[in-house]
Structures are given as C-alpha cells and as structure tokens.
Amino acid sequence: MTLLQLSTLPEKWLGKFAKLSWWKQWGITSVLALVLYWPILGNSFVADDFIVLKKVCLDKKLNTDGFFRPLSDITLYINFMVNGFQPAGYYLWNILIHALDTVLLFHFCLLWKWTYNEYKQLITAGLGALLFLSYPFHSEPVVWVLGRAALMGNTFGMLALVCMVSNRATYQKMAGVAICYFIGMTGYESVIVLPAMVFVWLQSTSAPIKKQLAWMGCMLFTFLLHVVVRVNVSGTVTGDYGTSFFKVSVLDILAKSAKSLERLFLPPMEDDRVIVALFSMLVILIGVVLYRLWKKMEGNRKELFFFLQMLGLLFIALLIPFLFGVSTHTSESDRFLHFPSFFFCILVSFCLVNLLHNKRSFAVIVSGIVIYNICFLETTNYNWTRASRAVSTLLQIAHDQAGKGKLYIVNLPDEINGAYIFRSGLPQALILHKLDTASVRIVNQVKRDSLLVLPETIQPRAEKSWVFIPPRVVVNRSTTPPVTDKKAVITISPLPADLTVYWNNKKWVTL
C-alpha cells in the first residue's frame, strides 16, 4: 500500500467513527489511551496521594483544608469501594476519563458549525481529537492520581461546552451548561473562566441582547451559588493558592505567560537558553503560518471568525497558567495546561487542514507531530514510573525493617523531573501500609535543584567511626560524636538494630 493510499484511510475510519454511538466512540478512544498510558498502570501512589486517600477513604472526610474539590474526593472514594488501595484501578479511571475528554473534543468540533464543507469539519475534529489524545504536555492529570481533580473539573468544563453548541432547546442548553459548570468547579478551579467562553460563543450566534443577558445571568447565578456553597463547606473562597495570587506583579505574570506559551509547544528543558532559542524560532514559524492562514481566509469570514474564536477560548483557558505559572524545567504543574490543550489541539488541527491540501504532505506532517507527541508522552510516563519505583522500594524497605529497629531515611527526594516522590505524604503512606510511623525518621529532604548540583551518583565518604553522606548527613558509628559544623550537618547515631538508607540520585541504597 502506498503512502497516498494510506493517507485516504483516515477519511473512511473517521466517517465510520462519527456514525457510532458516543459510548462506542469512548470504547475505541479508551483502547488507544490504554496503549499510550499502559506503563503507568503498574505505578504506586505517590506524595500527596497518600494524604488525601487517608483523609477521604479512612477518615471519611472531604479534603477541604484550603481546598474545595469534592468531585475528585468522591471519585477517589468510589475507586476505594471498588478495589481498595490497589493503584491500578485509580490510574485506569484517569485513563478512561482522558479518553472521554477526547470524545467530547471530537463532538465539540463537529457541533460548532464553521464551514459548509462537512468533510473538512470532520477531518478537523478527528485530527484535533487525535492530537489531544497523544498530547504530551498536559498528562499530569492522567499520570498522577491526585491530578484527577483537574481532569474531572475540565471534563465537566468541556461537557458544558458540548451542551452549549448542541442542537437542544435554549433552556435545555442553559440548564446543562449551568449544571456542568457548577460540578466542574467542584473538581478544579480551571473552569472558572467558562462564562467568558460562553460569551465568545454567543458572538457567533448573532443572539439578541436579551438572550445574551439571559445566558450571562445564568452563568453569574451559577458562579455565585458555587461561591456560597464553597464558603459554607470549606470556609474560604480562594484557598491556599488564591492567597498567593494577590502577591504577584505584572512582570511576574508576563514571565509566567511567556513560559506557559513556550510549554504549549515544547517539552521541559534544563537549559533556559535552549528553550528560549527554540521558542524564538517557533514564534517566527507561527507568524508565517498565521500570515498564510490569514491570506487564505480573507474571503471566508465564517472560517476566519471560527479561528479567532478558538484563539480567544485558548487565551481564556490560559488565564490560570498565566497567573500561577508552568515549570519549564520539569513536567510539574502541567495540569494547568490541560484545559487550554483542548483549544490548542483544535487550532493546530484547523491550521493543518486548511493549509495542507496535498494528502501526502498532510500525512507526513501529521505523522511527525503524533510521533513527537508520543515520544515526549512516554518520557513523562517513564519519569512517573521511576518515581513510583522509588516510593514502592522505600515502603518495602520500611515493611522489611518493621519490628527490628528504626529506619533512618537520608536524602528523601521530592520528585524526578516533575514526577512526585515524597515531597509530603510519607507518614500517611506508612499508615495506609499499616506501618509504625514512630519507627521511621526522615533525616533530611533534598529538593531537585539541590540534587542537580551533586554528583550523578552520590557516594558516601567513610571514616573509621562515621560516614558522611552528601550533601549534609553524618552517620555516627561510635560513642564519640564527630567534629562537625552543627549548623551545616545533621548527625544521626543509629543503633545496631537500626537501618539507614539514602537516595543516591538514582535509587535507594542501604548503608
């Protein structure tokens, strides 16, 4: 089969896919999502997962200390009722919801009529869904159990948008959007911008002012109702994150905005100069693409208007990462890019469909983008698998040491390239594994930036009566303490029955 023949296959597949019921479409995208995210099904819980799981599943309390995200807590409890504390079921839930989001994006693109060419609309919807399914820079809500707060919130946000563009009666659409908006905000605050998106859509409908006011009044009422419920349940409106919002400067927001835009296109990198150089070249390429697109659509106001509206939705969704920032060095905080990625993938698909008319070129470029996505997606999956192994190994060591003596943990790392290990949550992890927290002592914790300046593999320096473990721990093996600078060094004196383990930048090592 030639490349040209292969390029015609998606047309046939998409035509058949579009005619299926939504739950069959969900089944197909679920299979594809499982193929992409298969490595994480064997992962353990990590970091904050243990804190929330203990509170929700064992203590039977909503996690409302500074947060109001009961939707995520409820789904965690459903997972617990079905399969206890087996992590695979929790990750499977996340993967299936990601697949559902892909179907929602597909329907959103089909229902928002922007062209009389049904073939072009179908290809744009299908390609947008494929790009979203494989998009690598929004995967934190999928690969991190607790990240499902953003995943669930954004799912209801997208469901609200599908209701908005559906063919239902106006009152039914308003009710559906309001309900989804309210539920979505109980998942994650990223969907708080939904009223602005509804306003953008209203401009495409030529709706009379009275109808627009009815829509916006409905959204305002829903927002205020949510605020009342949030304050009564959690005692706060903004929570822990919100208090930091009022301390940011304009320059800080501009810097965070630039980083967020960079990360829409590029993977995290250690060298800031490289990512700035690459993004600068991308800006030039984007400028050329936009110019060509503008010239092509000069005579087609409907398509141009759709492009500008999707661009508007993208920037509205980006308000959260613009305010709170996204890391350019690791995949940490990629959850902030999840909601914007819906519209980013639609825009990329729209540009490709409208600019690439040669089927062979279209197939080659789309294949290259999908391969690019999958490579970096699997890199992120690998980082989370490494972090999971670090958690599992440490808990197994604690289990083996139980009843024998104390366990001293040196250089407890917080993450691996954005994949969380034990920034917090170790005491709760021990409780969930029915281990004595009093017999485990965290000697010191080391952040990623501190580990980067250490050797690739940390090597202890042993003397007759003590061992120094970089960067700042001395293990004393005699009754006479070593002479050290007490401000810079932590000294421990384990008994013969005690066990000391340290993170050597790659794995746990028993001293």
Protein backbone atom coordinates (compact mmCIF):
# COMPACT_ATOMS: atom_id res chain seq x y z
CA MET A 1 0.00 0.00 0.00
CA THR A 2 1.40 3.38 -1.00
CA LEU A 3 1.66 6.40 1.27
CA LEU A 4 -1.06 8.12 -0.77
CA GLN A 5 -3.40 5.16 -0.25
CA LEU A 6 -2.61 5.17 3.47
CA SER A 7 -3.46 8.87 3.64
CA THR A 8 -7.04 8.13 2.49
CA LEU A 9 -7.70 5.60 5.26
CA PRO A 10 -8.41 8.19 8.00
CA GLU A 11 -11.29 9.58 5.91
CA LYS A 12 -13.01 6.19 5.87
CA TRP A 13 -12.26 5.49 9.54
CA LEU A 14 -13.46 8.91 10.67
CA GLY A 15 -16.66 8.59 8.68
CA LYS A 16 -17.43 5.30 10.40
CA PHE A 17 -16.29 6.61 13.80
CA ALA A 18 -18.59 9.65 13.57
CA LYS A 19 -21.62 7.42 12.95
CA LEU A 20 -21.03 5.34 16.09
CA SER A 21 -22.81 6.00 19.39
CA TRP A 22 -20.80 8.05 21.87
CA TRP A 23 -20.14 5.11 24.18
CA LYS A 24 -18.70 3.06 21.31
CA GLN A 25 -16.52 6.03 20.41
CA TRP A 26 -15.44 6.15 24.05
CA GLY A 27 -14.56 2.44 23.88
CA ILE A 28 -12.32 2.98 20.86
CA THR A 29 -10.54 6.02 22.32
CA SER A 30 -10.15 4.13 25.62
CA VAL A 31 -8.24 1.37 23.84
CA LEU A 32 -5.95 3.94 22.23
CA ALA A 33 -5.48 5.76 25.54
CA LEU A 34 -4.61 2.49 27.29
CA VAL A 35 -1.95 1.79 24.66
CA LEU A 36 -0.40 5.23 25.25
CA TYR A 37 -0.62 5.15 29.05
CA TRP A 38 -0.10 1.43 29.65
CA PRO A 39 3.19 1.94 31.56
CA ILE A 40 1.51 3.86 34.41
CA LEU A 41 -0.98 1.10 35.29
CA GLY A 42 1.72 -0.58 37.38
CA ASN A 43 2.62 2.59 39.29
CA SER A 44 2.08 3.10 43.01
CA PHE A 45 0.54 6.08 44.74
CA VAL A 46 2.94 8.97 45.32
CA ALA A 47 3.35 12.01 47.59
CA ASP A 48 0.07 13.85 48.26
CA ASP A 49 -1.95 10.84 47.06
CA PHE A 50 -1.43 9.21 50.44
CA ILE A 51 -2.55 12.32 52.36
CA VAL A 52 -5.86 12.64 50.54
CA LEU A 53 -6.52 8.89 50.36
CA LYS A 54 -6.11 8.58 54.11
CA LYS A 55 -8.39 11.54 54.77
CA VAL A 56 -11.09 10.57 52.27
CA CYS A 57 -11.05 6.77 52.41
CA LEU A 58 -10.04 6.03 56.00
CA ASP A 59 -11.08 9.15 57.92
CA LYS A 60 -14.20 9.65 55.72
CA LYS A 61 -13.57 13.40 55.40
CA LEU A 62 -13.57 15.66 52.38
CA ASN A 63 -10.22 17.27 51.70
CA THR A 64 -11.39 20.83 52.46
CA ASP A 65 -8.34 22.25 54.27
CA GLY A 66 -7.71 25.21 51.98
CA PHE A 67 -9.33 23.43 49.02
CA PHE A 68 -12.84 22.71 47.80
CA ARG A 69 -12.61 19.85 45.32
CA PRO A 70 -15.17 17.27 46.45
CA LEU A 71 -15.65 15.90 42.92
CA SER A 72 -12.15 14.42 42.96
CA ASP A 73 -12.61 13.13 46.52
CA ILE A 74 -15.88 11.41 45.62
CA THR A 75 -14.29 9.61 42.66
CA LEU A 76 -11.37 8.54 44.87
CA TYR A 77 -13.82 7.06 47.35
CA ILE A 78 -15.63 5.22 44.52
CA ASN A 79 -12.27 3.75 43.48
CA PHE A 80 -11.63 2.73 47.09
CA MET A 81 -15.01 0.99 47.37
CA VAL A 82 -14.35 -0.95 44.16
CA ASN A 83 -10.72 -2.03 44.57
CA GLY A 84 -9.41 -0.78 47.91
CA PHE A 85 -5.93 0.70 47.81
CA GLN A 86 -4.84 -1.05 44.60
CA PRO A 87 -3.41 1.82 42.50
CA ALA A 88 -4.13 0.27 39.07
CA GLY A 89 -7.86 0.96 39.37
CA TYR A 90 -7.22 4.63 40.15
CA TYR A 91 -4.94 5.06 37.15
CA LEU A 92 -7.40 3.19 34.93
CA TRP A 93 -10.10 5.68 35.95
CA ASN A 94 -7.86 8.59 34.92
CA ILE A 95 -7.06 7.00 31.56
CA LEU A 96 -10.73 6.32 30.79
CA ILE A 97 -11.69 9.90 31.64
CA HIS A 98 -8.91 11.14 29.35
CA ALA A 99 -10.41 9.02 26.58
CA LEU A 100 -13.84 10.52 27.32
CA ASP A 101 -12.34 14.01 27.03
CA THR A 102 -11.11 13.07 23.57
CA VAL A 103 -14.65 12.12 22.53
CA LEU A 104 -16.00 15.38 23.97
CA LEU A 105 -13.49 17.39 21.94
CA PHE A 106 -14.49 15.47 18.80
CA HIS A 107 -18.18 16.28 19.32
CA PHE A 108 -17.44 19.90 20.21
CA CYS A 109 -15.63 20.35 16.88
CA LEU A 110 -18.44 18.71 14.93
CA LEU A 111 -21.26 20.62 16.62
CA TRP A 112 -19.71 24.09 16.28
CA LYS A 113 -20.53 24.66 12.60
CA TRP A 114 -17.84 26.80 10.98
CA THR A 115 -17.88 25.53 7.39
CA TYR A 116 -20.31 24.12 4.83
CA ASN A 117 -17.69 21.52 3.93
CA GLU A 118 -18.64 18.56 6.15
CA TYR A 119 -15.52 16.66 5.11
CA LYS A 120 -13.25 19.48 6.30
CA GLN A 121 -15.13 19.77 9.59
CA LEU A 122 -14.90 16.00 10.16
CA ILE A 123 -11.15 15.85 9.43
CA THR A 124 -10.52 18.84 11.73
CA ALA A 125 -12.50 17.19 14.55
CA GLY A 126 -10.79 13.83 14.11
CA LEU A 127 -7.29 15.25 13.91
CA GLY A 128 -7.93 17.55 16.89
CA ALA A 129 -9.07 14.55 18.92
CA LEU A 130 -6.00 12.53 17.91
CA LEU A 131 -3.66 15.38 18.83
CA PHE A 132 -5.39 15.81 22.19
CA LEU A 133 -5.26 12.08 22.95
CA SER A 134 -1.49 11.97 22.36
CA TYR A 135 -0.62 15.50 23.54
CA PRO A 136 2.32 15.12 25.96
CA PHE A 137 2.32 18.38 27.91
CA HIS A 138 -0.98 18.02 29.74
CA SER A 139 -0.53 14.48 31.04
CA GLU A 140 -0.03 15.28 34.76
CA PRO A 141 -3.78 14.94 35.50
CA VAL A 142 -3.70 11.46 33.92
CA VAL A 143 -0.45 10.04 35.33
CA TRP A 144 -0.90 11.43 38.86
CA VAL A 145 -3.82 10.04 40.87
CA LEU A 146 -4.46 13.31 42.69
CA GLY A 147 -4.16 15.16 39.39
CA ARG A 148 -7.61 13.88 38.57
CA ALA A 149 -9.02 16.98 40.28
CA ALA A 150 -8.03 18.97 37.18
CA LEU A 151 -9.01 16.09 34.91
CA MET A 152 -12.54 15.80 36.32
CA GLY A 153 -13.10 19.54 36.52
CA ASN A 154 -12.01 20.06 32.91
CA THR A 155 -14.14 17.12 31.76
CA PHE A 156 -17.26 18.83 33.05
CA GLY A 157 -16.00 22.11 31.61
CA MET A 158 -15.76 20.52 28.17
CA LEU A 159 -19.10 18.77 28.64
CA ALA A 160 -20.60 22.21 29.34
CA LEU A 161 -19.20 23.48 26.05
CA VAL A 162 -20.62 20.49 24.18
CA CYS A 163 -24.03 21.23 25.71
CA MET A 164 -23.61 24.86 24.68
CA VAL A 165 -23.08 24.08 20.98
CA SER A 166 -25.60 21.22 20.84
CA ASN A 167 -28.89 21.30 18.95
CA ARG A 168 -31.02 21.25 22.09
CA ALA A 169 -33.55 23.92 23.01
CA THR A 170 -32.07 27.06 24.59
CA TYR A 171 -33.42 26.38 28.07
CA GLN A 172 -32.05 22.84 27.98
CA LYS A 173 -28.64 24.08 26.89
CA MET A 174 -28.57 26.74 29.61
CA ALA A 175 -29.51 24.18 32.26
CA GLY A 176 -26.90 21.70 31.02
CA VAL A 177 -24.13 24.29 30.89
CA ALA A 178 -25.00 25.63 34.37
CA ILE A 179 -25.05 22.17 35.94
CA CYS A 180 -21.75 21.15 34.30
CA TYR A 181 -20.19 24.48 35.29
CA PHE A 182 -21.18 24.05 38.93
CA ILE A 183 -19.93 20.46 39.06
CA GLY A 184 -16.76 21.31 37.17
CA MET A 185 -15.79 23.96 39.73
CA THR A 186 -16.11 21.34 42.48
CA GLY A 187 -13.38 19.48 40.63
CA TYR A 188 -10.85 22.20 39.79
CA GLU A 189 -10.78 25.97 39.57
CA SER A 190 -9.52 26.00 35.96
CA VAL A 191 -13.11 26.01 34.64
CA ILE A 192 -13.96 29.23 36.48
CA VAL A 193 -13.38 31.03 33.14
CA LEU A 194 -16.29 29.23 31.46
CA PRO A 195 -18.64 32.28 31.45
CA ALA A 196 -16.12 34.15 29.27
CA MET A 197 -16.14 31.21 26.84
CA VAL A 198 -19.93 31.27 26.71
CA PHE A 199 -19.75 34.99 25.87
CA VAL A 200 -17.34 34.28 22.98
CA TRP A 201 -19.70 31.64 21.61
CA LEU A 202 -22.69 33.97 21.87
CA GLN A 203 -20.96 36.37 19.49
CA SER A 204 -21.04 33.68 16.79
CA THR A 205 -24.78 33.08 17.15
CA SER A 206 -25.96 36.63 16.47
CA ALA A 207 -28.15 36.18 19.52
CA PRO A 208 -30.23 39.21 20.58
CA ILE A 209 -29.10 41.17 23.63
CA LYS A 210 -31.95 39.76 25.72
CA LYS A 211 -30.82 36.21 25.04
CA GLN A 212 -27.19 37.06 25.74
CA LEU A 213 -28.16 38.65 29.05
CA ALA A 214 -30.15 35.54 29.97
CA TRP A 215 -27.13 33.35 29.31
CA MET A 216 -24.73 35.54 31.25
CA GLY A 217 -27.22 35.90 34.11
CA CYS A 218 -27.46 32.11 34.31
CA MET A 219 -23.66 31.80 34.45
CA LEU A 220 -23.37 34.53 37.10
CA PHE A 221 -26.04 32.89 39.25
CA THR A 222 -24.25 29.52 38.98
CA PHE A 223 -20.93 31.12 39.94
CA LEU A 224 -22.41 32.88 42.98
CA LEU A 225 -24.19 29.70 44.07
CA HIS A 226 -20.90 27.85 43.88
CA VAL A 227 -19.15 30.54 45.95
CA VAL A 228 -21.84 30.30 48.65
CA VAL A 229 -21.52 26.52 48.82
CA ARG A 230 -17.72 26.70 48.78
CA VAL A 231 -17.54 29.19 51.65
CA ASN A 232 -20.05 27.25 53.75
CA VAL A 233 -18.23 23.94 53.27
CA SER A 234 -14.56 24.96 53.27
CA GLY A 235 -14.68 28.38 54.93
CA THR A 236 -12.68 30.00 52.11
CA VAL A 237 -13.15 31.28 48.57
CA THR A 238 -9.66 31.23 47.09
CA GLY A 239 -7.99 28.58 49.25
CA ASP A 240 -4.25 28.20 49.75
CA TYR A 241 -3.36 29.00 46.14
CA GLY A 242 -5.61 32.03 45.96
CA THR A 243 -3.77 33.92 48.69
CA SER A 244 -0.60 33.94 46.58
CA PHE A 245 -2.46 35.47 43.62
CA PHE A 246 -2.66 38.89 45.25
CA LYS A 247 1.12 38.99 45.72
CA VAL A 248 2.16 38.62 42.07
CA SER A 249 3.43 41.55 40.00
CA VAL A 250 2.70 42.45 36.39
CA LEU A 251 6.24 41.46 35.36
CA ASP A 252 5.81 38.15 37.14
CA ILE A 253 2.58 37.47 35.24
CA LEU A 254 4.25 38.35 31.93
CA ALA A 255 7.10 35.93 32.65
CA LYS A 256 4.65 33.18 33.59
CA SER A 257 2.63 33.87 30.46
CA ALA A 258 5.71 33.51 28.25
CA LYS A 259 6.66 30.23 29.95
CA SER A 260 3.12 28.88 29.56
CA LEU A 261 3.11 29.67 25.84
CA GLU A 262 6.52 28.02 25.45
CA ARG A 263 5.32 24.85 27.17
CA LEU A 264 2.31 24.53 24.87
CA PHE A 265 4.78 23.59 22.13
CA LEU A 266 7.95 22.41 23.83
CA PRO A 267 8.97 19.83 26.46
CA PRO A 268 10.58 20.91 29.74
CA MET A 269 14.32 21.53 29.45
CA GLU A 270 17.05 22.23 31.97
CA ASP A 271 18.78 24.93 29.92
CA ASP A 272 16.66 28.08 29.72
CA ARG A 273 18.73 29.37 26.81
CA VAL A 274 17.83 26.37 24.67
CA ILE A 275 14.09 26.64 25.28
CA VAL A 276 14.17 30.41 24.61
CA ALA A 277 16.06 29.85 21.35
CA LEU A 278 13.69 27.11 20.21
CA PHE A 279 10.62 29.12 21.12
CA SER A 280 12.00 32.15 19.28
CA MET A 281 12.26 30.04 16.12
CA LEU A 282 8.76 28.73 16.77
CA VAL A 283 7.42 32.27 17.03
CA ILE A 284 8.77 33.01 13.55
CA LEU A 285 7.22 29.80 12.21
CA ILE A 286 3.89 30.61 13.89
CA GLY A 287 3.99 34.08 12.34
CA VAL A 288 4.45 32.60 8.87
CA VAL A 289 1.63 30.09 9.42
CA LEU A 290 -0.75 32.77 10.69
CA TYR A 291 0.07 35.05 7.74
CA ARG A 292 -0.63 32.28 5.24
CA LEU A 293 -3.81 31.35 7.06
CA TRP A 294 -4.97 34.96 7.11
CA LYS A 295 -4.37 35.37 3.36
CA LYS A 296 -6.18 32.13 2.63
CA MET A 297 -9.25 33.00 4.71
CA GLU A 298 -9.61 36.64 3.63
CA GLY A 299 -12.68 35.75 1.59
CA ASN A 300 -14.16 33.33 4.11
CA ARG A 301 -15.32 35.28 7.15
CA LYS A 302 -17.01 32.28 8.75
CA GLU A 303 -13.80 30.21 8.91
CA LEU A 304 -11.76 33.24 9.97
CA PHE A 305 -14.24 34.02 12.73
CA PHE A 306 -14.09 30.42 13.98
CA PHE A 307 -10.29 30.55 14.11
CA LEU A 308 -10.35 33.81 16.07
CA GLN A 309 -12.95 32.39 18.46
CA MET A 310 -10.87 29.27 19.14
CA LEU A 311 -7.88 31.53 19.68
CA GLY A 312 -9.97 33.51 22.15
CA LEU A 313 -11.02 30.34 24.00
CA LEU A 314 -7.37 29.27 24.17
CA PHE A 315 -6.26 32.53 25.78
CA ILE A 316 -9.21 32.49 28.18
CA ALA A 317 -8.25 28.96 29.26
CA LEU A 318 -4.63 30.09 29.59
CA LEU A 319 -5.52 32.71 32.21
CA ILE A 320 -4.92 30.19 35.01
CA PRO A 321 -1.38 29.18 33.90
CA PHE A 322 -0.66 32.83 33.10
CA LEU A 323 -1.43 33.67 36.75
CA PHE A 324 0.09 30.66 38.50
CA GLY A 325 2.82 29.58 36.11
CA VAL A 326 4.07 26.38 34.49
CA SER A 327 7.52 24.89 35.01
CA THR A 328 9.87 24.99 32.02
CA HIS A 329 12.35 22.60 33.68
CA THR A 330 10.06 19.68 34.60
CA SER A 331 6.53 18.44 33.91
CA GLU A 332 5.38 19.75 37.30
CA SER A 333 2.23 21.91 37.00
CA ASP A 334 1.43 20.58 33.51
CA ARG A 335 -2.10 20.12 34.86
CA PHE A 336 -2.58 23.86 34.27
CA LEU A 337 -2.19 23.20 30.53
CA HIS A 338 -4.89 20.53 30.43
CA PHE A 339 -7.89 22.81 29.81
CA PRO A 340 -6.04 25.05 27.30
CA SER A 341 -4.87 21.96 25.41
CA PHE A 342 -8.42 21.29 24.17
CA PHE A 343 -8.40 24.52 22.16
CA PHE A 344 -4.71 24.38 21.30
CA CYS A 345 -5.19 20.99 19.60
CA ILE A 346 -8.26 22.30 17.75
CA LEU A 347 -6.26 25.27 16.46
CA VAL A 348 -3.34 23.11 15.33
CA SER A 349 -5.75 20.77 13.55
CA PHE A 350 -7.56 23.70 11.91
CA CYS A 351 -4.29 25.14 10.59
CA LEU A 352 -3.10 21.80 9.21
CA VAL A 353 -6.40 21.04 7.48
CA ASN A 354 -6.65 24.49 5.91
CA LEU A 355 -3.02 24.86 4.81
CA LEU A 356 -2.05 21.34 3.72
CA HIS A 357 -4.04 20.26 0.66
CA ASN A 358 -1.62 17.63 -0.60
CA LYS A 359 -2.65 14.38 1.09
CA ARG A 360 0.89 13.02 1.11
CA SER A 361 2.31 16.13 2.78
CA PHE A 362 -0.60 16.15 5.21
CA ALA A 363 0.03 12.52 6.17
CA VAL A 364 3.78 13.06 6.65
CA ILE A 365 3.44 16.19 8.80
CA VAL A 366 0.62 14.81 10.93
CA SER A 367 2.59 11.59 11.47
CA GLY A 368 5.62 13.64 12.53
CA ILE A 369 3.56 15.62 15.06
CA VAL A 370 1.97 12.48 16.51
CA ILE A 371 5.37 10.78 16.82
CA TYR A 372 6.72 13.92 18.53
CA ASN A 373 3.78 13.79 20.96
CA ILE A 374 4.17 10.11 21.75
CA CYS A 375 7.94 10.35 22.33
CA PHE A 376 7.59 13.05 24.97
CA LEU A 377 4.45 11.48 26.44
CA GLU A 378 6.32 8.22 27.03
CA THR A 379 9.22 10.19 28.53
CA THR A 380 6.82 11.65 31.08
CA ASN A 381 5.34 8.20 31.72
CA TYR A 382 8.85 6.89 32.34
CA ASN A 383 9.58 9.65 34.88
CA TRP A 384 6.43 8.80 36.82
CA THR A 385 7.30 5.10 36.70
CA ARG A 386 10.75 5.88 38.15
CA ALA A 387 9.17 7.99 40.88
CA SER A 388 6.70 5.21 41.63
CA ARG A 389 9.51 2.67 41.94
CA ALA A 390 11.29 4.95 44.39
CA VAL A 391 8.13 5.11 46.53
CA SER A 392 7.46 1.37 46.35
CA THR A 393 11.05 0.44 47.17
CA LEU A 394 11.17 2.72 50.21
CA LEU A 395 7.88 1.38 51.56
CA GLN A 396 9.11 -2.18 51.05
CA ILE A 397 12.27 -1.35 52.98
CA ALA A 398 10.13 0.09 55.77
CA HIS A 399 7.99 -3.06 55.76
CA ASP A 400 11.05 -5.34 55.97
CA GLN A 401 12.52 -3.26 58.81
CA ALA A 402 9.28 -3.22 60.83
CA GLY A 403 9.74 -4.69 64.32
CA LYS A 404 13.53 -4.77 64.08
CA GLY A 405 14.56 -1.19 64.79
CA LYS A 406 14.31 2.34 63.47
CA LEU A 407 14.58 3.26 59.82
CA TYR A 408 16.58 6.42 59.03
CA ILE A 409 15.87 7.95 55.62
CA VAL A 410 18.58 10.21 54.21
CA ASN A 411 18.16 12.50 51.19
CA LEU A 412 14.43 11.90 50.76
CA PRO A 413 13.81 13.33 47.24
CA ASP A 414 10.74 15.34 46.35
CA GLU A 415 10.49 14.48 42.63
CA ILE A 416 12.05 13.08 39.47
CA ASN A 417 11.72 15.59 36.64
CA GLY A 418 8.32 16.72 37.90
CA ALA A 419 7.07 13.27 38.92
CA TYR A 420 6.40 13.40 42.66
CA ILE A 421 8.03 11.02 45.13
CA PHE A 422 7.73 12.19 48.75
CA ARG A 423 7.57 15.96 48.92
CA SER A 424 4.94 15.10 51.53
CA GLY A 425 2.76 12.17 52.47
CA LEU A 426 5.26 9.65 53.87
CA PRO A 427 3.57 9.38 57.33
CA GLN A 428 0.21 8.79 55.66
CA ALA A 429 1.80 6.23 53.31
CA LEU A 430 3.10 4.31 56.32
CA ILE A 431 -0.35 4.38 57.92
CA LEU A 432 -2.03 3.09 54.75
CA HIS A 433 0.53 0.25 54.71
CA LYS A 434 -0.12 -0.42 58.43
CA LEU A 435 3.42 0.52 59.47
CA ASP A 436 4.53 2.30 62.64
CA THR A 437 5.30 5.94 61.85
CA ALA A 438 7.31 6.34 65.09
CA SER A 439 9.92 3.85 63.90
CA VAL A 440 10.67 5.79 60.68
CA ARG A 441 12.66 9.02 60.77
CA ILE A 442 13.21 11.36 57.84
CA VAL A 443 16.72 12.69 58.43
CA ASN A 444 16.63 15.26 55.61
CA GLN A 445 14.79 16.05 52.42
CA VAL A 446 16.50 17.18 49.24
CA LYS A 447 14.84 19.19 46.51
CA ARG A 448 15.52 18.61 42.84
CA ASP A 449 17.65 21.76 42.45
CA SER A 450 19.92 20.61 45.27
CA LEU A 451 20.31 17.15 43.75
CA LEU A 452 21.31 18.64 40.38
CA VAL A 453 24.47 20.19 41.83
CA LEU A 454 25.53 16.88 43.40
CA PRO A 455 27.37 14.12 41.50
CA GLU A 456 25.29 11.97 39.17
CA THR A 457 25.60 9.18 41.75
CA ILE A 458 26.09 10.23 45.37
CA GLN A 459 28.99 8.38 47.01
CA PRO A 460 29.32 8.40 50.83
CA ARG A 461 32.71 9.13 52.39
CA ALA A 462 33.56 6.63 55.13
CA GLU A 463 35.96 7.14 58.05
CA LYS A 464 36.71 4.82 60.97
CA SER A 465 33.81 5.86 63.14
CA TRP A 466 31.46 7.76 60.85
CA VAL A 467 30.13 8.07 57.30
CA PHE A 468 29.39 11.34 55.54
CA ILE A 469 26.51 11.22 53.03
CA PRO A 470 26.42 14.31 50.79
CA PRO A 471 25.14 16.90 50.99
CA ARG A 472 24.85 17.17 54.80
CA VAL A 473 24.32 13.99 56.83
CA VAL A 474 26.83 12.26 59.11
CA VAL A 475 26.11 8.75 60.32
CA ASN A 476 27.99 8.29 63.60
CA ARG A 477 29.12 4.74 64.42
CA SER A 478 30.91 5.41 67.69
CA THR A 479 30.01 6.74 71.10
CA THR A 480 32.12 9.85 70.39
CA PRO A 481 30.37 12.27 68.05
CA PRO A 482 32.43 13.52 65.08
CA VAL A 483 33.59 17.11 64.97
CA THR A 484 31.27 18.90 62.55
CA ASP A 485 29.72 22.24 61.88
CA LYS A 486 26.37 21.61 63.60
CA LYS A 487 24.64 24.29 61.52
CA ALA A 488 25.58 22.68 58.23
CA VAL A 489 25.49 18.98 59.09
CA ILE A 490 22.88 16.64 60.54
CA THR A 491 24.31 13.88 62.69
CA ILE A 492 22.49 10.63 63.45
CA SER A 493 23.63 7.76 65.69
CA PRO A 494 21.69 4.62 64.72
CA LEU A 495 21.75 1.56 66.97
CA PRO A 496 22.92 -1.83 65.65
CA ALA A 497 19.32 -2.90 65.01
CA ASP A 498 18.53 0.29 63.12
CA LEU A 499 18.77 0.68 59.36
CA THR A 500 19.92 3.71 57.36
CA VAL A 501 19.03 4.14 53.69
CA TYR A 502 19.89 7.03 51.41
CA TRP A 503 18.90 8.22 47.94
CA ASN A 504 21.99 8.25 45.75
CA ASN A 505 20.30 10.30 42.97
CA LYS A 506 19.18 7.13 41.20
CA LYS A 507 17.97 4.60 43.75
CA TRP A 508 17.78 3.71 47.44
CA VAL A 509 20.98 2.31 48.95
CA THR A 510 21.32 0.64 52.34
CA LEU A 511 24.25 1.93 54.34
